[in-house]
Amino acid sequence: MPVTNEPEIESLSALTLSTHVMKPAVRFYAALGFALVSGGEGAPFSVFKAGGSYINLALVPPETRWAPWGRFVVYVSDVDAQYAKAIAAGYTPSFEPRDATWGERYFHISDPDGHELSFARRLRGAKSE
């Protein structure tokens, strides 16, 4: 019997990132406001709450390498305040917040392992898809 209902993707549960050194990675995500749920600076695996989803950090051996893979986008209530928080914590975003032609205000920042994040917020009046 053929399937008539295609499954629908509902949400992203978690994103797992590799790290060579847990301590600076944990400090980075904590400093930017992600809530540590389990693990920590000395753990092999750490979990942070990100709204209704999670960001996991998995400790991998130094010989493990990864190539640039893209970036993930985190929506925040205030992009400029998030940028100020990153600067105050001693991190250097790629550029100051800017308005994009696709209807978001955003900036990019890389974590200590080179994973790129974009903090963003829909602009008022921007069309939603």
Protein backbone atom coordinates (compact mmCIF):
# COMPACT_ATOMS: atom_id res chain seq x y z
CA MET A 1 0.00 0.00 0.00
CA PRO A 2 1.54 3.38 -1.02
CA VAL A 3 2.18 6.05 1.57
CA THR A 4 -0.12 9.01 0.99
CA ASN A 5 1.13 11.33 3.71
CA GLU A 6 4.68 12.54 3.37
CA PRO A 7 6.39 13.17 6.72
CA GLU A 8 6.92 16.83 7.48
CA ILE A 9 10.09 18.17 9.07
CA GLU A 10 8.89 19.90 12.23
CA SER A 11 11.95 21.42 13.88
CA LEU A 12 15.65 21.18 14.53
CA SER A 13 16.31 19.39 17.82
CA ALA A 14 20.06 19.82 18.15
CA LEU A 15 23.22 20.73 16.31
CA THR A 16 26.43 18.98 17.37
CA LEU A 17 29.77 20.70 16.79
CA SER A 18 33.23 19.25 17.23
CA THR A 19 35.82 20.94 19.41
CA HIS A 20 39.47 20.20 20.09
CA VAL A 21 39.46 21.96 23.47
CA MET A 22 36.26 22.08 25.49
CA LYS A 23 37.14 24.92 27.88
CA PRO A 24 37.30 27.84 25.37
CA ALA A 25 34.34 26.45 23.42
CA VAL A 26 32.17 26.25 26.55
CA ARG A 27 33.23 29.75 27.61
CA PHE A 28 32.37 31.14 24.16
CA TYR A 29 28.82 29.76 24.07
CA ALA A 30 28.17 30.64 27.72
CA ALA A 31 29.44 34.20 27.22
CA LEU A 32 27.06 34.67 24.29
CA GLY A 33 24.07 33.67 26.42
CA PHE A 34 23.51 30.00 25.68
CA ALA A 35 22.50 28.17 28.86
CA LEU A 36 24.71 25.19 29.78
CA VAL A 37 22.45 22.20 30.44
CA SER A 38 25.06 19.49 30.97
CA GLY A 39 28.78 18.90 30.63
CA GLY A 40 31.13 21.83 31.05
CA GLU A 41 34.74 22.89 30.64
CA GLY A 42 36.19 19.51 31.63
CA ALA A 43 33.56 17.27 30.00
CA PRO A 44 33.88 15.32 26.74
CA PHE A 45 30.36 16.40 25.70
CA SER A 46 28.47 19.57 26.60
CA VAL A 47 24.89 20.63 25.89
CA PHE A 48 23.58 24.20 25.63
CA LYS A 49 19.95 25.29 25.38
CA ALA A 50 19.17 27.44 22.33
CA GLY A 51 15.51 28.41 22.50
CA GLY A 52 13.60 25.19 21.81
CA SER A 53 16.72 23.49 20.43
CA TYR A 54 20.18 22.52 21.65
CA ILE A 55 23.79 23.07 20.66
CA ASN A 56 26.06 20.19 21.58
CA LEU A 57 29.85 20.30 21.79
CA ALA A 58 31.71 17.03 21.28
CA LEU A 59 35.38 16.76 22.23
CA VAL A 60 37.40 15.16 19.42
CA PRO A 61 41.11 14.29 19.16
CA PRO A 62 43.51 16.98 17.84
CA GLU A 63 44.17 14.99 14.67
CA THR A 64 40.49 15.27 13.70
CA ARG A 65 40.14 18.01 11.10
CA TRP A 66 37.17 19.64 9.46
CA ALA A 67 36.83 21.96 6.52
CA PRO A 68 34.68 25.07 6.43
CA TRP A 69 31.12 23.82 6.43
CA GLY A 70 28.91 26.90 6.41
CA ARG A 71 27.18 28.56 9.33
CA PHE A 72 24.14 28.23 11.51
CA VAL A 73 21.72 31.04 12.25
CA VAL A 74 20.46 31.89 15.72
CA TYR A 75 17.52 34.27 16.02
CA VAL A 76 17.79 36.71 18.93
CA SER A 77 15.47 39.41 20.28
CA ASP A 78 18.03 42.19 19.71
CA VAL A 79 20.91 41.78 17.25
CA ASP A 80 22.71 44.95 18.34
CA ALA A 81 22.57 43.96 22.02
CA GLN A 82 23.90 40.48 21.11
CA TYR A 83 26.74 42.11 19.17
CA ALA A 84 27.55 44.32 22.19
CA LYS A 85 27.53 41.23 24.42
CA ALA A 86 30.05 39.49 22.14
CA ILE A 87 32.33 42.55 22.11
CA ALA A 88 32.09 42.92 25.90
CA ALA A 89 33.10 39.26 26.29
CA GLY A 90 36.23 39.92 24.25
CA TYR A 91 35.15 38.25 20.99
CA THR A 92 35.50 39.79 17.54
CA PRO A 93 32.55 39.39 15.18
CA SER A 94 33.24 39.42 11.44
CA PHE A 95 31.41 42.75 11.02
CA GLU A 96 29.01 45.10 12.79
CA PRO A 97 25.28 44.34 12.59
CA ARG A 98 23.76 45.18 9.23
CA ASP A 99 20.42 45.00 7.48
CA ALA A 100 20.25 42.45 4.68
CA THR A 101 18.27 42.68 1.46
CA TRP A 102 16.50 39.43 2.42
CA GLY A 103 14.86 41.11 5.44
CA GLU A 104 17.09 40.33 8.42
CA ARG A 105 19.45 42.30 10.65
CA TYR A 106 22.48 40.12 11.39
CA PHE A 107 26.18 39.67 12.11
CA HIS A 108 28.56 36.71 11.93
CA ILE A 109 31.02 35.44 14.53
CA SER A 110 33.21 32.33 14.67
CA ASP A 111 33.68 30.17 17.75
CA PRO A 112 37.18 29.11 18.94
CA ASP A 113 37.08 26.08 16.59
CA GLY A 114 36.12 28.13 13.53
CA HIS A 115 32.42 27.21 13.44
CA GLU A 116 30.57 30.25 12.12
CA LEU A 117 27.35 31.53 13.70
CA SER A 118 25.04 34.24 12.47
CA PHE A 119 22.93 36.10 15.01
CA ALA A 120 19.86 37.51 13.29
CA ARG A 121 16.37 38.97 13.64
CA ARG A 122 13.67 39.57 11.03
CA LEU A 123 13.33 43.26 10.17
CA ARG A 124 10.00 44.87 10.95
CA GLY A 125 7.84 44.87 7.87
CA ALA A 126 9.97 42.23 6.12
CA LYS A 127 7.97 39.59 4.33
CA SER A 128 8.00 36.15 5.95
CA GLU A 129 8.30 33.04 3.85
